[in-house]
Amino acid sequence: MLKLNLLILPLLIVAFVFSSCGKTESAKPEQTYLDDAKKQYDEKKFEESIATYRELIKNYPASEKNAIYAYNQIAGIYFDGLKDYQKTVDTYRELAEKYPKSKEAKQSLFMVAFTYDEYMKDKEKAKDAYKKFLEKFPQDTDPNDKMSESARTMLQVLESGKSIEDMIKENSGTTSPKTETKADTTKPKK
């Protein structure tokens, strides 16, 4: 019996060593990732900050709140820091796909269309993105949220080919004051 135990003991040790070699170093606490990513961003180490936020998402997939926050930060870094609007769009889409029932999904899909329109100047992709947004979110359910209404207006502007200012003037029925009025008031009266 002792001989059998002596044979099993080395096998157990070898099995333990091999099983621990396959494990990765335990993940840092979520707050550490958030702190590190913010510090990297503040130091203008944008790519490192993005990588840290992505590690957080990978290591804490069940932490929806922090993952959504991380996706928004990544999109913001691509937008403001790196001016990489395609990656901004891709990140917002990724957030909306992973968390489709979140309010942030709605905001993200709106930002996809807005980014195509205002920053990438790709009016066709903007129209498609606004249409997809409106298919998913045809009405605003929160009285403080006007994204569906805004998307509808922006789509109308894009489809009309007019500027938003022209459409506002048409809808309000007013015209701008004529510049010659000022010149007329300076003439001496007879």
C-alpha atoms as a PDB file:
ATOM      1  CA  MET A   1       0.000   0.000   0.000  1.00  0.00           C
ATOM      2  CA  LEU A   2       2.813   2.403   0.896  1.00  0.00           C
ATOM      3  CA  LYS A   3       4.485   1.599  -2.396  1.00  0.00           C
ATOM      4  CA  LEU A   4       1.285   2.445  -4.278  1.00  0.00           C
ATOM      5  CA  ASN A   5       0.972   5.786  -2.424  1.00  0.00           C
ATOM      6  CA  LEU A   6       4.573   6.642  -3.259  1.00  0.00           C
ATOM      7  CA  LEU A   7       3.821   6.067  -6.940  1.00  0.00           C
ATOM      8  CA  ILE A   8       0.656   8.156  -6.880  1.00  0.00           C
ATOM      9  CA  LEU A   9       2.219  11.091  -5.056  1.00  0.00           C
ATOM     10  CA  PRO A  10       4.626  12.048  -7.905  1.00  0.00           C
ATOM     11  CA  LEU A  11       1.793  11.695 -10.416  1.00  0.00           C
ATOM     12  CA  LEU A  12      -0.351  14.084  -8.373  1.00  0.00           C
ATOM     13  CA  ILE A  13       2.485  16.593  -8.126  1.00  0.00           C
ATOM     14  CA  VAL A  14       3.100  16.439 -11.895  1.00  0.00           C
ATOM     15  CA  ALA A  15      -0.632  16.816 -12.586  1.00  0.00           C
ATOM     16  CA  PHE A  16      -0.813  19.822 -10.251  1.00  0.00           C
ATOM     17  CA  VAL A  17       2.206  21.481 -11.873  1.00  0.00           C
ATOM     18  CA  PHE A  18       0.803  20.999 -15.373  1.00  0.00           C
ATOM     19  CA  SER A  19      -2.652  22.214 -14.418  1.00  0.00           C
ATOM     20  CA  SER A  20      -1.245  25.377 -12.845  1.00  0.00           C
ATOM     21  CA  CYS A  21       0.941  26.069 -15.872  1.00  0.00           C
ATOM     22  CA  GLY A  22      -2.134  26.329 -18.070  1.00  0.00           C
ATOM     23  CA  LYS A  23      -3.716  28.999 -15.901  1.00  0.00           C
ATOM     24  CA  THR A  24      -3.088  32.620 -16.638  1.00  0.00           C
ATOM     25  CA  GLU A  25      -2.193  35.107 -13.994  1.00  0.00           C
ATOM     26  CA  SER A  26      -5.339  36.107 -12.150  1.00  0.00           C
ATOM     27  CA  ALA A  27      -7.033  39.179 -13.546  1.00  0.00           C
ATOM     28  CA  LYS A  28      -6.541  42.513 -11.863  1.00  0.00           C
ATOM     29  CA  PRO A  29      -9.513  44.009 -10.052  1.00  0.00           C
ATOM     30  CA  GLU A  30     -11.867  45.903 -12.359  1.00  0.00           C
ATOM     31  CA  GLN A  31     -11.110  49.239 -10.736  1.00  0.00           C
ATOM     32  CA  THR A  32      -7.401  48.770 -11.423  1.00  0.00           C
ATOM     33  CA  TYR A  33      -8.124  48.423 -15.147  1.00  0.00           C
ATOM     34  CA  LEU A  34     -10.266  51.548 -15.067  1.00  0.00           C
ATOM     35  CA  ASP A  35      -7.633  53.523 -13.160  1.00  0.00           C
ATOM     36  CA  ASP A  36      -4.809  52.322 -15.420  1.00  0.00           C
ATOM     37  CA  ALA A  37      -6.738  53.117 -18.598  1.00  0.00           C
ATOM     38  CA  LYS A  38      -7.610  56.622 -17.383  1.00  0.00           C
ATOM     39  CA  LYS A  39      -3.992  57.288 -16.425  1.00  0.00           C
ATOM     40  CA  GLN A  40      -2.813  56.102 -19.838  1.00  0.00           C
ATOM     41  CA  TYR A  41      -5.383  58.326 -21.522  1.00  0.00           C
ATOM     42  CA  ASP A  42      -4.308  61.332 -19.436  1.00  0.00           C
ATOM     43  CA  GLU A  43      -0.727  60.644 -20.545  1.00  0.00           C
ATOM     44  CA  LYS A  44      -1.959  60.554 -24.164  1.00  0.00           C
ATOM     45  CA  LYS A  45      -1.058  56.872 -24.462  1.00  0.00           C
ATOM     46  CA  PHE A  46      -4.242  56.249 -26.426  1.00  0.00           C
ATOM     47  CA  GLU A  47      -3.456  52.809 -27.854  1.00  0.00           C
ATOM     48  CA  GLU A  48      -2.381  51.542 -24.406  1.00  0.00           C
ATOM     49  CA  SER A  49      -5.554  52.935 -22.862  1.00  0.00           C
ATOM     50  CA  ILE A  50      -7.677  51.156 -25.480  1.00  0.00           C
ATOM     51  CA  ALA A  51      -5.807  47.896 -24.837  1.00  0.00           C
ATOM     52  CA  THR A  52      -6.401  48.202 -21.090  1.00  0.00           C
ATOM     53  CA  TYR A  53     -10.130  48.830 -21.575  1.00  0.00           C
ATOM     54  CA  ARG A  54     -10.277  45.812 -23.914  1.00  0.00           C
ATOM     55  CA  GLU A  55      -8.564  43.659 -21.267  1.00  0.00           C
ATOM     56  CA  LEU A  56     -11.228  44.730 -18.789  1.00  0.00           C
ATOM     57  CA  ILE A  57     -13.973  43.710 -21.234  1.00  0.00           C
ATOM     58  CA  LYS A  58     -12.280  40.362 -21.873  1.00  0.00           C
ATOM     59  CA  ASN A  59     -11.552  39.538 -18.232  1.00  0.00           C
ATOM     60  CA  TYR A  60     -14.903  40.705 -16.828  1.00  0.00           C
ATOM     61  CA  PRO A  61     -17.503  39.834 -19.479  1.00  0.00           C
ATOM     62  CA  ALA A  62     -20.296  39.624 -16.879  1.00  0.00           C
ATOM     63  CA  SER A  63     -19.661  43.181 -15.665  1.00  0.00           C
ATOM     64  CA  GLU A  64     -22.071  44.893 -18.069  1.00  0.00           C
ATOM     65  CA  LYS A  65     -21.817  48.339 -16.492  1.00  0.00           C
ATOM     66  CA  ASN A  66     -18.012  48.496 -16.690  1.00  0.00           C
ATOM     67  CA  ALA A  67     -17.912  46.857 -20.127  1.00  0.00           C
ATOM     68  CA  ILE A  68     -20.341  49.419 -21.537  1.00  0.00           C
ATOM     69  CA  TYR A  69     -18.325  52.185 -19.895  1.00  0.00           C
ATOM     70  CA  ALA A  70     -15.130  50.737 -21.424  1.00  0.00           C
ATOM     71  CA  TYR A  71     -16.676  50.557 -24.915  1.00  0.00           C
ATOM     72  CA  ASN A  72     -17.784  54.180 -24.654  1.00  0.00           C
ATOM     73  CA  GLN A  73     -14.306  55.228 -23.521  1.00  0.00           C
ATOM     74  CA  ILE A  74     -12.709  53.321 -26.401  1.00  0.00           C
ATOM     75  CA  ALA A  75     -15.056  54.965 -28.908  1.00  0.00           C
ATOM     76  CA  GLY A  76     -14.263  58.349 -27.361  1.00  0.00           C
ATOM     77  CA  ILE A  77     -10.532  57.764 -27.633  1.00  0.00           C
ATOM     78  CA  TYR A  78     -10.842  56.790 -31.295  1.00  0.00           C
ATOM     79  CA  PHE A  79     -13.053  59.837 -31.885  1.00  0.00           C
ATOM     80  CA  ASP A  80     -11.288  62.582 -29.930  1.00  0.00           C
ATOM     81  CA  GLY A  81      -7.776  61.287 -29.382  1.00  0.00           C
ATOM     82  CA  LEU A  82      -6.980  59.404 -32.572  1.00  0.00           C
ATOM     83  CA  LYS A  83      -9.545  60.913 -34.983  1.00  0.00           C
ATOM     84  CA  ASP A  84     -10.105  57.391 -36.334  1.00  0.00           C
ATOM     85  CA  TYR A  85     -13.781  57.678 -37.162  1.00  0.00           C
ATOM     86  CA  GLN A  86     -14.119  54.224 -38.732  1.00  0.00           C
ATOM     87  CA  LYS A  87     -12.882  52.593 -35.525  1.00  0.00           C
ATOM     88  CA  THR A  88     -15.240  54.877 -33.598  1.00  0.00           C
ATOM     89  CA  VAL A  89     -18.130  53.509 -35.664  1.00  0.00           C
ATOM     90  CA  ASP A  90     -16.900  49.921 -35.283  1.00  0.00           C
ATOM     91  CA  THR A  91     -16.665  50.277 -31.497  1.00  0.00           C
ATOM     92  CA  TYR A  92     -20.144  51.775 -31.190  1.00  0.00           C
ATOM     93  CA  ARG A  93     -21.529  48.918 -33.306  1.00  0.00           C
ATOM     94  CA  GLU A  94     -19.734  46.372 -31.146  1.00  0.00           C
ATOM     95  CA  LEU A  95     -21.271  47.874 -28.001  1.00  0.00           C
ATOM     96  CA  ALA A  96     -24.766  47.799 -29.552  1.00  0.00           C
ATOM     97  CA  GLU A  97     -24.337  44.168 -30.648  1.00  0.00           C
ATOM     98  CA  LYS A  98     -23.103  42.954 -27.256  1.00  0.00           C
ATOM     99  CA  TYR A  99     -25.622  44.929 -25.169  1.00  0.00           C
ATOM    100  CA  PRO A 100     -28.640  45.402 -27.477  1.00  0.00           C
ATOM    101  CA  LYS A 101     -31.137  46.016 -24.675  1.00  0.00           C
ATOM    102  CA  SER A 102     -29.123  48.759 -22.995  1.00  0.00           C
ATOM    103  CA  LYS A 103     -29.898  52.455 -23.387  1.00  0.00           C
ATOM    104  CA  GLU A 104     -26.284  52.819 -24.500  1.00  0.00           C
ATOM    105  CA  ALA A 105     -27.038  50.612 -27.523  1.00  0.00           C
ATOM    106  CA  LYS A 106     -29.503  53.239 -28.717  1.00  0.00           C
ATOM    107  CA  GLN A 107     -26.997  56.036 -28.160  1.00  0.00           C
ATOM    108  CA  SER A 108     -24.294  54.026 -29.911  1.00  0.00           C
ATOM    109  CA  LEU A 109     -26.355  53.373 -33.024  1.00  0.00           C
ATOM    110  CA  PHE A 110     -27.274  57.046 -33.196  1.00  0.00           C
ATOM    111  CA  MET A 111     -23.584  57.956 -32.943  1.00  0.00           C
ATOM    112  CA  VAL A 112     -22.769  55.574 -35.806  1.00  0.00           C
ATOM    113  CA  ALA A 113     -25.091  57.522 -38.112  1.00  0.00           C
ATOM    114  CA  PHE A 114     -24.009  60.900 -36.755  1.00  0.00           C
ATOM    115  CA  THR A 115     -20.310  60.068 -37.198  1.00  0.00           C
ATOM    116  CA  TYR A 116     -20.854  58.934 -40.788  1.00  0.00           C
ATOM    117  CA  ASP A 117     -22.774  62.131 -41.492  1.00  0.00           C
ATOM    118  CA  GLU A 118     -20.851  64.849 -39.691  1.00  0.00           C
ATOM    119  CA  TYR A 119     -17.278  63.555 -39.532  1.00  0.00           C
ATOM    120  CA  MET A 120     -16.818  61.042 -42.315  1.00  0.00           C
ATOM    121  CA  LYS A 121     -19.075  62.992 -44.712  1.00  0.00           C
ATOM    122  CA  ASP A 122     -20.416  59.686 -46.049  1.00  0.00           C
ATOM    123  CA  LYS A 123     -24.034  60.689 -46.607  1.00  0.00           C
ATOM    124  CA  GLU A 124     -25.122  57.316 -48.032  1.00  0.00           C
ATOM    125  CA  LYS A 125     -23.810  55.347 -45.052  1.00  0.00           C
ATOM    126  CA  ALA A 126     -25.322  57.963 -42.757  1.00  0.00           C
ATOM    127  CA  LYS A 127     -28.737  57.520 -44.395  1.00  0.00           C
ATOM    128  CA  ASP A 128     -28.489  53.732 -44.054  1.00  0.00           C
ATOM    129  CA  ALA A 129     -27.409  54.021 -40.428  1.00  0.00           C
ATOM    130  CA  TYR A 130     -30.266  56.424 -39.575  1.00  0.00           C
ATOM    131  CA  LYS A 131     -32.750  54.061 -41.262  1.00  0.00           C
ATOM    132  CA  LYS A 132     -31.445  51.074 -39.294  1.00  0.00           C
ATOM    133  CA  PHE A 133     -31.570  53.133 -36.127  1.00  0.00           C
ATOM    134  CA  LEU A 134     -35.205  54.090 -36.783  1.00  0.00           C
ATOM    135  CA  GLU A 135     -36.147  50.470 -37.570  1.00  0.00           C
ATOM    136  CA  LYS A 136     -34.894  49.471 -34.145  1.00  0.00           C
ATOM    137  CA  PHE A 137     -35.980  52.628 -32.277  1.00  0.00           C
ATOM    138  CA  PRO A 138     -38.951  54.156 -34.153  1.00  0.00           C
ATOM    139  CA  GLN A 139     -40.171  56.166 -31.160  1.00  0.00           C
ATOM    140  CA  ASP A 140     -38.609  57.859 -28.171  1.00  0.00           C
ATOM    141  CA  THR A 141     -40.065  56.276 -25.040  1.00  0.00           C
ATOM    142  CA  ASP A 142     -38.349  58.627 -22.612  1.00  0.00           C
ATOM    143  CA  PRO A 143     -39.609  62.241 -22.811  1.00  0.00           C
ATOM    144  CA  ASN A 144     -36.045  63.458 -22.167  1.00  0.00           C
ATOM    145  CA  ASP A 145     -34.671  61.359 -25.021  1.00  0.00           C
ATOM    146  CA  LYS A 146     -35.121  62.826 -28.488  1.00  0.00           C
ATOM    147  CA  MET A 147     -32.769  60.578 -30.462  1.00  0.00           C
ATOM    148  CA  SER A 148     -35.469  58.981 -32.630  1.00  0.00           C
ATOM    149  CA  GLU A 149     -36.917  62.378 -33.392  1.00  0.00           C
ATOM    150  CA  SER A 150     -33.442  63.719 -34.192  1.00  0.00           C
ATOM    151  CA  ALA A 151     -32.616  60.704 -36.366  1.00  0.00           C
ATOM    152  CA  ARG A 152     -35.849  61.200 -38.318  1.00  0.00           C
ATOM    153  CA  THR A 153     -35.022  64.881 -38.868  1.00  0.00           C
ATOM    154  CA  MET A 154     -31.435  64.146 -39.897  1.00  0.00           C
ATOM    155  CA  LEU A 155     -32.619  61.469 -42.327  1.00  0.00           C
ATOM    156  CA  GLN A 156     -35.095  63.934 -43.872  1.00  0.00           C
ATOM    157  CA  VAL A 157     -32.312  66.485 -44.248  1.00  0.00           C
ATOM    158  CA  LEU A 158     -30.017  63.944 -45.906  1.00  0.00           C
ATOM    159  CA  GLU A 159     -32.723  62.670 -48.238  1.00  0.00           C
ATOM    160  CA  SER A 160     -33.829  66.180 -49.237  1.00  0.00           C
ATOM    161  CA  GLY A 161     -30.326  67.391 -50.022  1.00  0.00           C
ATOM    162  CA  LYS A 162     -31.126  70.675 -48.257  1.00  0.00           C
ATOM    163  CA  SER A 163     -29.386  72.140 -45.259  1.00  0.00           C
ATOM    164  CA  ILE A 164     -31.021  71.874 -41.873  1.00  0.00           C
ATOM    165  CA  GLU A 165     -31.338  75.660 -41.785  1.00  0.00           C
ATOM    166  CA  ASP A 166     -33.306  75.639 -45.048  1.00  0.00           C
ATOM    167  CA  MET A 167     -35.624  72.945 -43.744  1.00  0.00           C
ATOM    168  CA  ILE A 168     -36.211  74.847 -40.502  1.00  0.00           C
ATOM    169  CA  LYS A 169     -37.095  77.956 -42.483  1.00  0.00           C
ATOM    170  CA  GLU A 170     -39.494  75.970 -44.685  1.00  0.00           C
ATOM    171  CA  ASN A 171     -41.177  74.323 -41.701  1.00  0.00           C
ATOM    172  CA  SER A 172     -41.549  77.526 -39.721  1.00  0.00           C
ATOM    173  CA  GLY A 173     -42.816  79.488 -42.707  1.00  0.00           C
ATOM    174  CA  THR A 174     -40.487  82.403 -42.041  1.00  0.00           C
ATOM    175  CA  THR A 175     -37.877  83.944 -44.198  1.00  0.00           C
ATOM    176  CA  SER A 176     -34.785  85.734 -43.136  1.00  0.00           C
ATOM    177  CA  PRO A 177     -34.865  89.521 -43.066  1.00  0.00           C
ATOM    178  CA  LYS A 178     -33.535  91.204 -46.150  1.00  0.00           C
ATOM    179  CA  THR A 179     -30.274  93.041 -45.832  1.00  0.00           C
ATOM    180  CA  GLU A 180     -31.495  95.939 -47.918  1.00  0.00           C
ATOM    181  CA  THR A 181     -33.895  96.961 -45.132  1.00  0.00           C
ATOM    182  CA  LYS A 182     -31.029  98.418 -43.176  1.00  0.00           C
ATOM    183  CA  ALA A 183     -29.872 100.413 -46.174  1.00  0.00           C
ATOM    184  CA  ASP A 184     -33.387 101.755 -46.714  1.00  0.00           C
ATOM    185  CA  THR A 185     -33.563 103.197 -43.195  1.00  0.00           C
ATOM    186  CA  THR A 186     -30.491 105.335 -43.765  1.00  0.00           C
ATOM    187  CA  LYS A 187     -31.996 107.254 -46.698  1.00  0.00           C
ATOM    188  CA  PRO A 188     -33.149 110.768 -45.898  1.00  0.00           C
ATOM    189  CA  LYS A 189     -36.946 111.223 -45.895  1.00  0.00           C
ATOM    190  CA  LYS A 190     -38.455 113.700 -48.307  1.00  0.00           C
END
